[in-house]
Amino acid sequence: MVTEPNPDRLRALEARLAKVKGKPVEAKASTVQGFSQGEVAWRMVIELVTGMVLGAGLGYGLDALFGTLPVFLIIFSLIGFAAGVKTMLGSAKQLAKTTAGQPANREED
């Protein structure tokens, strides 16, 4: 057993530690400041489903009003789906513009 530490080994260890500490820490990729990728994904899913539900509800209401049950329900469900996709793509474009102005790997404060 060694009672006294070897000074050369200690200096080498300190040099390696300083070298490791001096390396930049890789930060996580960020979508938008304050939003995680999961939150953005849920936002897009909610926008799509909301468009579909609103379209189906409007179609069902018109069918109940006019007595033509499947016609307006199908038409407005498809229109609601298209509106949901359009809104979802608009959110994706807005997200891309927001993240384009920021560096891909930025350090969070």
N, C-alpha and C. Protein backbone atom coordinates (compact mmCIF):
# COMPACT_ATOMS: atom_id res chain seq x y z
N MET A 1 0.83 -1.19 0.00
CA MET A 1 0.00 0.00 0.00
C MET A 1 0.87 1.24 0.00
N VAL A 2 0.43 2.19 -0.75
CA VAL A 2 1.16 3.45 -0.83
C VAL A 2 0.53 4.43 0.14
N THR A 3 1.34 5.04 0.98
CA THR A 3 0.82 5.99 1.95
C THR A 3 0.82 7.40 1.41
N GLU A 4 1.79 7.73 0.58
CA GLU A 4 1.90 9.06 0.02
C GLU A 4 1.45 9.02 -1.44
N PRO A 5 0.63 9.98 -1.87
CA PRO A 5 0.22 10.00 -3.28
C PRO A 5 1.37 10.44 -4.18
N ASN A 6 1.41 9.89 -5.35
CA ASN A 6 2.44 10.23 -6.32
C ASN A 6 2.12 11.59 -6.92
N PRO A 7 2.99 12.60 -6.76
CA PRO A 7 2.69 13.95 -7.26
C PRO A 7 2.58 14.00 -8.78
N ASP A 8 3.34 13.18 -9.48
CA ASP A 8 3.26 13.19 -10.94
C ASP A 8 1.90 12.68 -11.42
N ARG A 9 1.41 11.65 -10.78
CA ARG A 9 0.10 11.11 -11.15
C ARG A 9 -1.00 12.12 -10.81
N LEU A 10 -0.85 12.83 -9.69
CA LEU A 10 -1.85 13.84 -9.32
C LEU A 10 -1.88 14.98 -10.33
N ARG A 11 -0.70 15.42 -10.76
CA ARG A 11 -0.64 16.48 -11.77
C ARG A 11 -1.27 16.01 -13.09
N ALA A 12 -0.99 14.80 -13.48
CA ALA A 12 -1.56 14.25 -14.72
C ALA A 12 -3.08 14.16 -14.61
N LEU A 13 -3.55 13.76 -13.43
CA LEU A 13 -5.00 13.68 -13.22
C LEU A 13 -5.63 15.07 -13.26
N GLU A 14 -5.00 16.04 -12.64
CA GLU A 14 -5.51 17.41 -12.67
C GLU A 14 -5.52 17.96 -14.09
N ALA A 15 -4.52 17.65 -14.87
CA ALA A 15 -4.47 18.11 -16.27
C ALA A 15 -5.62 17.48 -17.08
N ARG A 16 -5.85 16.20 -16.85
CA ARG A 16 -6.96 15.53 -17.57
C ARG A 16 -8.30 16.11 -17.15
N LEU A 17 -8.48 16.37 -15.88
CA LEU A 17 -9.74 16.96 -15.40
C LEU A 17 -9.95 18.36 -15.97
N ALA A 18 -8.89 19.16 -16.01
CA ALA A 18 -9.00 20.50 -16.58
C ALA A 18 -9.34 20.42 -18.07
N LYS A 19 -8.76 19.44 -18.75
CA LYS A 19 -9.03 19.26 -20.18
C LYS A 19 -10.50 18.89 -20.40
N VAL A 20 -11.01 18.01 -19.57
CA VAL A 20 -12.41 17.59 -19.68
C VAL A 20 -13.35 18.73 -19.33
N LYS A 21 -13.04 19.48 -18.29
CA LYS A 21 -13.88 20.61 -17.89
C LYS A 21 -13.85 21.73 -18.93
N GLY A 22 -12.77 21.84 -19.66
CA GLY A 22 -12.64 22.89 -20.65
C GLY A 22 -13.44 22.63 -21.92
N LYS A 23 -13.86 21.39 -22.14
CA LYS A 23 -14.65 21.07 -23.33
C LYS A 23 -16.03 21.70 -23.23
N PRO A 24 -16.56 22.21 -24.36
CA PRO A 24 -17.91 22.77 -24.32
C PRO A 24 -18.93 21.66 -24.11
N VAL A 25 -19.91 21.94 -23.30
CA VAL A 25 -20.96 20.99 -23.01
C VAL A 25 -21.97 21.03 -24.15
N GLU A 26 -22.30 19.86 -24.69
CA GLU A 26 -23.27 19.80 -25.78
C GLU A 26 -24.66 20.02 -25.20
N ALA A 27 -25.33 21.05 -25.71
CA ALA A 27 -26.67 21.36 -25.23
C ALA A 27 -27.69 20.55 -26.03
N LYS A 28 -28.86 20.38 -25.45
CA LYS A 28 -29.93 19.68 -26.14
C LYS A 28 -30.44 20.53 -27.29
N ALA A 29 -30.88 19.86 -28.35
CA ALA A 29 -31.50 20.59 -29.46
C ALA A 29 -32.83 21.15 -28.97
N SER A 30 -33.08 22.39 -29.29
CA SER A 30 -34.28 23.05 -28.81
C SER A 30 -35.17 23.40 -29.98
N THR A 31 -36.48 23.24 -29.82
CA THR A 31 -37.40 23.63 -30.88
C THR A 31 -37.68 25.12 -30.78
N VAL A 32 -38.32 25.51 -29.75
CA VAL A 32 -38.62 26.92 -29.49
C VAL A 32 -38.35 27.13 -28.02
N GLN A 33 -37.91 28.33 -27.68
CA GLN A 33 -37.62 28.60 -26.29
C GLN A 33 -38.90 28.42 -25.47
N GLY A 34 -38.86 27.51 -24.52
CA GLY A 34 -40.00 27.28 -23.66
C GLY A 34 -40.88 26.12 -24.09
N PHE A 35 -40.70 25.59 -25.29
CA PHE A 35 -41.54 24.49 -25.75
C PHE A 35 -40.67 23.27 -26.03
N SER A 36 -41.11 22.12 -25.58
CA SER A 36 -40.41 20.88 -25.92
C SER A 36 -41.02 20.31 -27.19
N GLN A 37 -40.38 19.33 -27.76
CA GLN A 37 -40.88 18.72 -28.99
C GLN A 37 -42.20 18.01 -28.73
N GLY A 38 -42.38 17.46 -27.55
CA GLY A 38 -43.64 16.80 -27.22
C GLY A 38 -44.80 17.77 -27.17
N GLU A 39 -44.55 18.95 -26.60
CA GLU A 39 -45.60 19.97 -26.54
C GLU A 39 -45.99 20.45 -27.93
N VAL A 40 -45.01 20.59 -28.80
CA VAL A 40 -45.30 21.02 -30.17
C VAL A 40 -46.08 19.94 -30.90
N ALA A 41 -45.71 18.68 -30.70
CA ALA A 41 -46.42 17.58 -31.35
C ALA A 41 -47.87 17.51 -30.88
N TRP A 42 -48.10 17.65 -29.58
CA TRP A 42 -49.47 17.62 -29.07
C TRP A 42 -50.28 18.80 -29.60
N ARG A 43 -49.65 19.96 -29.74
CA ARG A 43 -50.35 21.11 -30.28
C ARG A 43 -50.84 20.83 -31.70
N MET A 44 -49.99 20.20 -32.50
CA MET A 44 -50.38 19.89 -33.87
C MET A 44 -51.49 18.85 -33.92
N VAL A 45 -51.42 17.85 -33.06
CA VAL A 45 -52.47 16.82 -33.02
C VAL A 45 -53.79 17.46 -32.60
N ILE A 46 -53.75 18.33 -31.61
CA ILE A 46 -54.97 18.98 -31.14
C ILE A 46 -55.57 19.86 -32.23
N GLU A 47 -54.73 20.56 -32.99
CA GLU A 47 -55.24 21.39 -34.08
C GLU A 47 -55.93 20.54 -35.15
N LEU A 48 -55.36 19.39 -35.47
CA LEU A 48 -55.95 18.50 -36.47
C LEU A 48 -57.28 17.94 -35.98
N VAL A 49 -57.31 17.44 -34.77
CA VAL A 49 -58.54 16.85 -34.22
C VAL A 49 -59.62 17.91 -34.04
N THR A 50 -59.25 19.11 -33.63
CA THR A 50 -60.23 20.17 -33.46
C THR A 50 -60.90 20.53 -34.78
N GLY A 51 -60.12 20.62 -35.85
CA GLY A 51 -60.69 20.88 -37.17
C GLY A 51 -61.67 19.80 -37.59
N MET A 52 -61.30 18.56 -37.34
CA MET A 52 -62.18 17.44 -37.71
C MET A 52 -63.46 17.45 -36.89
N VAL A 53 -63.35 17.68 -35.59
CA VAL A 53 -64.53 17.67 -34.72
C VAL A 53 -65.46 18.83 -35.06
N LEU A 54 -64.90 20.01 -35.29
CA LEU A 54 -65.74 21.15 -35.65
C LEU A 54 -66.45 20.91 -36.99
N GLY A 55 -65.74 20.36 -37.96
CA GLY A 55 -66.36 20.05 -39.24
C GLY A 55 -67.46 19.02 -39.12
N ALA A 56 -67.20 17.96 -38.35
CA ALA A 56 -68.22 16.91 -38.16
C ALA A 56 -69.42 17.46 -37.40
N GLY A 57 -69.18 18.29 -36.40
CA GLY A 57 -70.29 18.87 -35.64
C GLY A 57 -71.15 19.78 -36.49
N LEU A 58 -70.50 20.60 -37.29
CA LEU A 58 -71.24 21.50 -38.19
C LEU A 58 -72.02 20.69 -39.23
N GLY A 59 -71.40 19.66 -39.78
CA GLY A 59 -72.08 18.81 -40.76
C GLY A 59 -73.26 18.08 -40.15
N TYR A 60 -73.08 17.56 -38.95
CA TYR A 60 -74.18 16.86 -38.29
C TYR A 60 -75.33 17.82 -37.98
N GLY A 61 -74.99 19.03 -37.55
CA GLY A 61 -76.02 20.02 -37.26
C GLY A 61 -76.81 20.39 -38.51
N LEU A 62 -76.13 20.57 -39.63
CA LEU A 62 -76.83 20.87 -40.88
C LEU A 62 -77.67 19.68 -41.35
N ASP A 63 -77.15 18.47 -41.16
CA ASP A 63 -77.93 17.28 -41.53
C ASP A 63 -79.18 17.16 -40.67
N ALA A 64 -79.06 17.43 -39.39
CA ALA A 64 -80.22 17.36 -38.51
C ALA A 64 -81.24 18.45 -38.87
N LEU A 65 -80.75 19.60 -39.29
CA LEU A 65 -81.62 20.71 -39.66
C LEU A 65 -82.37 20.42 -40.97
N PHE A 66 -81.67 19.88 -41.94
CA PHE A 66 -82.27 19.63 -43.24
C PHE A 66 -82.78 18.20 -43.43
N GLY A 67 -82.47 17.29 -42.55
CA GLY A 67 -82.94 15.91 -42.64
C GLY A 67 -82.16 15.06 -43.64
N THR A 68 -80.97 15.42 -43.95
CA THR A 68 -80.13 14.66 -44.89
C THR A 68 -78.91 14.14 -44.14
N LEU A 69 -79.12 13.11 -43.32
CA LEU A 69 -78.11 12.75 -42.32
C LEU A 69 -76.69 12.52 -42.83
N PRO A 70 -76.36 11.67 -43.78
CA PRO A 70 -74.93 11.45 -44.00
C PRO A 70 -74.25 12.46 -44.93
N VAL A 71 -75.00 13.25 -45.67
CA VAL A 71 -74.41 14.08 -46.73
C VAL A 71 -73.51 15.18 -46.15
N PHE A 72 -74.08 16.08 -45.38
CA PHE A 72 -73.30 17.20 -44.85
C PHE A 72 -72.26 16.74 -43.82
N LEU A 73 -72.57 15.66 -43.10
CA LEU A 73 -71.62 15.13 -42.13
C LEU A 73 -70.33 14.71 -42.83
N ILE A 74 -70.44 14.01 -43.93
CA ILE A 74 -69.25 13.56 -44.66
C ILE A 74 -68.52 14.75 -45.28
N ILE A 75 -69.27 15.63 -45.91
CA ILE A 75 -68.65 16.78 -46.59
C ILE A 75 -67.90 17.67 -45.59
N PHE A 76 -68.57 18.03 -44.50
CA PHE A 76 -67.94 18.93 -43.54
C PHE A 76 -66.86 18.25 -42.71
N SER A 77 -66.93 16.92 -42.57
CA SER A 77 -65.83 16.20 -41.90
C SER A 77 -64.56 16.29 -42.74
N LEU A 78 -64.72 16.14 -44.06
CA LEU A 78 -63.56 16.26 -44.94
C LEU A 78 -63.03 17.69 -44.97
N ILE A 79 -63.94 18.66 -44.98
CA ILE A 79 -63.51 20.07 -44.94
C ILE A 79 -62.80 20.37 -43.62
N GLY A 80 -63.31 19.84 -42.52
CA GLY A 80 -62.67 20.04 -41.21
C GLY A 80 -61.30 19.39 -41.16
N PHE A 81 -61.17 18.22 -41.79
CA PHE A 81 -59.86 17.56 -41.85
C PHE A 81 -58.87 18.43 -42.63
N ALA A 82 -59.31 18.95 -43.77
CA ALA A 82 -58.44 19.81 -44.59
C ALA A 82 -58.05 21.08 -43.82
N ALA A 83 -59.01 21.66 -43.10
CA ALA A 83 -58.71 22.86 -42.32
C ALA A 83 -57.73 22.54 -41.19
N GLY A 84 -57.89 21.38 -40.55
CA GLY A 84 -56.96 20.97 -39.49
C GLY A 84 -55.55 20.77 -40.01
N VAL A 85 -55.44 20.14 -41.19
CA VAL A 85 -54.12 19.93 -41.79
C VAL A 85 -53.49 21.27 -42.15
N LYS A 86 -54.29 22.18 -42.71
CA LYS A 86 -53.77 23.50 -43.09
C LYS A 86 -53.28 24.26 -41.85
N THR A 87 -54.03 24.22 -40.78
CA THR A 87 -53.64 24.88 -39.54
C THR A 87 -52.37 24.25 -38.96
N MET A 88 -52.30 22.92 -39.02
CA MET A 88 -51.15 22.20 -38.51
C MET A 88 -49.90 22.55 -39.31
N LEU A 89 -50.02 22.63 -40.63
CA LEU A 89 -48.87 23.00 -41.46
C LEU A 89 -48.46 24.46 -41.22
N GLY A 90 -49.43 25.32 -40.97
CA GLY A 90 -49.11 26.71 -40.63
C GLY A 90 -48.32 26.80 -39.33
N SER A 91 -48.70 25.99 -38.35
CA SER A 91 -47.95 25.97 -37.09
C SER A 91 -46.53 25.45 -37.31
N ALA A 92 -46.39 24.45 -38.18
CA ALA A 92 -45.05 23.91 -38.47
C ALA A 92 -44.18 24.95 -39.15
N LYS A 93 -44.77 25.73 -40.07
CA LYS A 93 -44.00 26.80 -40.73
C LYS A 93 -43.58 27.86 -39.72
N GLN A 94 -44.49 28.23 -38.84
CA GLN A 94 -44.18 29.23 -37.81
C GLN A 94 -43.08 28.71 -36.90
N LEU A 95 -43.13 27.45 -36.54
CA LEU A 95 -42.11 26.85 -35.70
C LEU A 95 -40.77 26.83 -36.42
N ALA A 96 -40.77 26.54 -37.72
CA ALA A 96 -39.53 26.53 -38.49
C ALA A 96 -38.93 27.92 -38.58
N LYS A 97 -39.77 28.95 -38.74
CA LYS A 97 -39.26 30.32 -38.79
C LYS A 97 -38.66 30.72 -37.45
N THR A 98 -39.30 30.33 -36.38
CA THR A 98 -38.83 30.69 -35.04
C THR A 98 -37.50 30.01 -34.73
N THR A 99 -37.37 28.73 -35.10
CA THR A 99 -36.13 28.02 -34.80
C THR A 99 -35.02 28.35 -35.78
N ALA A 100 -35.35 28.88 -36.95
CA ALA A 100 -34.30 29.24 -37.92
C ALA A 100 -33.47 30.41 -37.43
N GLY A 101 -34.06 31.29 -36.65
CA GLY A 101 -33.35 32.44 -36.12
C GLY A 101 -32.45 32.11 -34.96
N GLN A 102 -32.60 30.91 -34.39
CA GLN A 102 -31.81 30.52 -33.22
C GLN A 102 -30.78 29.48 -33.66
N PRO A 103 -29.65 29.41 -32.99
CA PRO A 103 -28.70 28.32 -33.30
C PRO A 103 -29.30 26.98 -32.91
N ALA A 104 -28.92 25.93 -33.61
CA ALA A 104 -29.48 24.60 -33.37
C ALA A 104 -29.17 24.09 -31.97
N ASN A 105 -27.93 24.26 -31.53
CA ASN A 105 -27.54 23.84 -30.18
C ASN A 105 -27.21 25.08 -29.37
N ARG A 106 -28.11 25.46 -28.52
CA ARG A 106 -27.87 26.63 -27.70
C ARG A 106 -27.91 26.22 -26.25
N GLU A 107 -27.13 26.93 -25.43
CA GLU A 107 -27.08 26.62 -24.02
C GLU A 107 -28.25 27.29 -23.32
N GLU A 108 -28.94 26.53 -22.49
CA GLU A 108 -30.08 27.07 -21.76
C GLU A 108 -29.57 27.72 -20.48
N ASP A 109 -30.10 28.87 -20.16
CA ASP A 109 -29.67 29.58 -18.94
C ASP A 109 -30.32 29.03 -17.72
